[in-house]
């Protein structure tokens, strides 16, 4: 009976991990836009991992190509969301997630929102000006 409970608990934990990783991928690409789905999944995997992971391990666990992992790791490093970790006795690069979002990510996110809203306001103002001009011309004024 206890083995059944442990097996069910392990299965539920694995499912929760998968849901978190998939959700992080969707959220990062939808909200942030600076990090794509794979980047969000990589960050989530590293965030949940007790130990640093290599590119090969990340690729195997997420079932994505090593080249895709490599590209996204570089981007995550640029945003200081992950860092390279030295593992004694290994020649591979290993990575772990930073637990606190750096100010740069938040600043870039807020700047993106600001720029998007500024563009929307400019578009609305230009449209309104042209519509007013068209209205005056059509009335013969």
Protein backbone atom coordinates (compact mmCIF):
# COMPACT_ATOMS: atom_id res chain seq x y z
CA UNK A 1 0.00 0.00 0.00
CA UNK A 2 2.80 2.41 0.90
CA UNK A 3 4.54 1.62 -2.40
CA UNK A 4 1.35 2.51 -4.26
CA UNK A 5 1.12 5.84 -2.43
CA UNK A 6 4.77 6.60 -3.15
CA UNK A 7 4.35 5.69 -6.82
CA UNK A 8 1.25 7.89 -7.07
CA UNK A 9 3.05 10.70 -5.28
CA UNK A 10 6.03 10.45 -7.63
CA UNK A 11 3.71 10.39 -10.65
CA UNK A 12 1.83 13.46 -9.40
CA UNK A 13 5.11 15.29 -8.75
CA UNK A 14 6.34 14.47 -12.26
CA UNK A 15 3.06 15.74 -13.74
CA UNK A 16 3.27 18.94 -11.67
CA UNK A 17 6.82 19.48 -12.92
CA UNK A 18 5.72 19.00 -16.54
CA UNK A 19 2.81 21.42 -16.10
CA UNK A 20 5.11 24.03 -14.54
CA UNK A 21 7.71 23.72 -17.31
CA UNK A 22 5.09 23.88 -20.10
CA UNK A 23 3.34 26.81 -18.43
CA UNK A 24 6.59 28.73 -17.96
CA UNK A 25 7.30 28.32 -21.66
CA UNK A 26 3.91 29.71 -22.65
CA UNK A 27 4.01 32.56 -20.16
CA UNK A 28 7.52 33.67 -21.05
CA UNK A 29 6.75 33.91 -24.75
CA UNK A 30 3.30 35.46 -24.30
CA UNK A 31 4.07 38.04 -21.63
CA UNK A 32 7.73 38.82 -21.85
CA UNK A 33 8.26 38.37 -25.57
CA UNK A 34 12.00 38.63 -24.97
CA UNK A 35 12.34 34.93 -24.21
CA UNK A 36 10.71 32.31 -26.41
CA UNK A 37 8.85 29.20 -25.29
CA UNK A 38 11.96 26.99 -25.20
CA UNK A 39 13.82 29.61 -23.18
CA UNK A 40 11.03 29.70 -20.62
CA UNK A 41 11.01 25.92 -20.40
CA UNK A 42 14.79 25.80 -19.95
CA UNK A 43 14.63 28.40 -17.19
CA UNK A 44 11.81 26.50 -15.44
CA UNK A 45 13.71 23.21 -15.67
CA UNK A 46 16.87 24.76 -14.20
CA UNK A 47 14.82 26.56 -11.55
CA UNK A 48 13.35 23.24 -10.38
CA UNK A 49 16.60 21.29 -10.62
CA UNK A 50 18.55 20.56 -7.45
CA UNK A 51 21.78 20.35 -9.44
CA UNK A 52 23.24 22.23 -12.41
CA UNK A 53 22.44 20.65 -15.78
CA UNK A 54 24.47 20.34 -18.98
CA UNK A 55 23.20 21.24 -22.44
CA UNK A 56 22.85 17.51 -23.19
CA UNK A 57 20.79 16.91 -20.05
CA UNK A 58 18.53 19.88 -20.78
CA UNK A 59 18.07 18.73 -24.37
CA UNK A 60 17.21 15.18 -23.29
CA UNK A 61 14.81 16.24 -20.53
CA UNK A 62 12.92 18.79 -22.64
CA UNK A 63 13.11 16.81 -25.90
CA UNK A 64 14.45 19.79 -27.84
CA UNK A 65 17.58 20.04 -29.97
CA UNK A 66 20.90 20.80 -28.36
CA UNK A 67 21.40 23.75 -30.74
CA UNK A 68 18.07 25.23 -29.60
CA UNK A 69 19.12 24.75 -25.98
CA UNK A 70 22.49 26.39 -26.66
CA UNK A 71 20.94 29.44 -28.32
CA UNK A 72 18.41 29.90 -25.54
CA UNK A 73 20.99 29.37 -22.78
CA UNK A 74 23.03 32.25 -24.26
CA UNK A 75 19.95 34.47 -24.24
CA UNK A 76 19.11 33.49 -20.67
CA UNK A 77 22.72 34.22 -19.69
CA UNK A 78 22.46 37.66 -21.32
CA UNK A 79 19.41 38.39 -19.19
CA UNK A 80 21.24 36.95 -16.17
CA UNK A 81 18.51 34.38 -15.57
CA UNK A 82 20.97 31.49 -15.68
CA UNK A 83 24.65 31.20 -14.92
CA UNK A 84 27.38 28.82 -15.96
CA UNK A 85 28.54 26.57 -13.13
CA UNK A 86 31.80 24.64 -12.92
CA UNK A 87 31.42 20.94 -12.15
CA UNK A 88 34.57 19.23 -10.93
CA UNK A 89 35.81 16.50 -13.24
CA UNK A 90 33.63 17.49 -16.20
CA UNK A 91 34.62 19.34 -19.34
CA UNK A 92 31.00 20.19 -20.17
CA UNK A 93 29.31 23.46 -19.33
CA UNK A 94 26.65 23.23 -16.65
CA UNK A 95 23.99 25.80 -15.84
CA UNK A 96 21.78 26.74 -12.93
CA UNK A 97 18.91 29.22 -12.67
CA UNK A 98 19.16 32.48 -10.81
CA UNK A 99 16.40 32.53 -8.21
CA UNK A 100 15.78 36.28 -8.30
CA UNK A 101 14.84 38.09 -11.49
CA UNK A 102 17.55 40.62 -12.27
CA UNK A 103 16.58 44.26 -12.61
CA UNK A 104 17.55 44.17 -16.30
CA UNK A 105 14.77 41.70 -17.13
CA UNK A 106 12.16 43.74 -15.29
CA UNK A 107 13.45 47.00 -16.79
CA UNK A 108 13.37 45.52 -20.32
CA UNK A 109 9.87 44.15 -19.72
CA UNK A 110 8.57 47.53 -18.54
CA UNK A 111 10.34 49.28 -21.42
CA UNK A 112 8.68 46.91 -23.88
CA UNK A 113 5.26 47.67 -22.40
CA UNK A 114 5.99 51.42 -22.52
CA UNK A 115 7.13 51.26 -26.16
CA UNK A 116 4.12 49.19 -27.19
CA UNK A 117 1.71 51.61 -25.53
CA UNK A 118 3.53 54.61 -27.03
CA UNK A 119 3.23 53.08 -30.51
CA UNK A 120 -0.47 52.41 -29.95
CA UNK A 121 -1.10 56.01 -28.82
CA UNK A 122 0.83 57.39 -31.82
CA UNK A 123 -1.18 55.18 -34.18
CA UNK A 124 -4.47 56.31 -32.64
CA UNK A 125 -3.46 59.99 -32.81
CA UNK A 126 -2.36 59.70 -36.46
CA UNK A 127 -5.54 57.85 -37.37
CA UNK A 128 -7.67 60.46 -35.62
CA UNK A 129 -5.87 63.32 -37.39
CA UNK A 130 -6.28 61.70 -40.82
CA UNK A 131 -9.92 60.84 -40.14
CA UNK A 132 -10.60 64.45 -39.11
CA UNK A 133 -8.84 65.69 -42.26
CA UNK A 134 -10.86 63.29 -44.42
CA UNK A 135 -14.10 64.37 -42.74
CA UNK A 136 -13.34 68.05 -43.39
CA UNK A 137 -12.42 67.39 -47.02
CA UNK A 138 -15.54 65.34 -47.65
CA UNK A 139 -17.73 68.07 -46.16
CA UNK A 140 -16.09 70.54 -48.52
CA UNK A 141 -14.40 72.61 -45.84
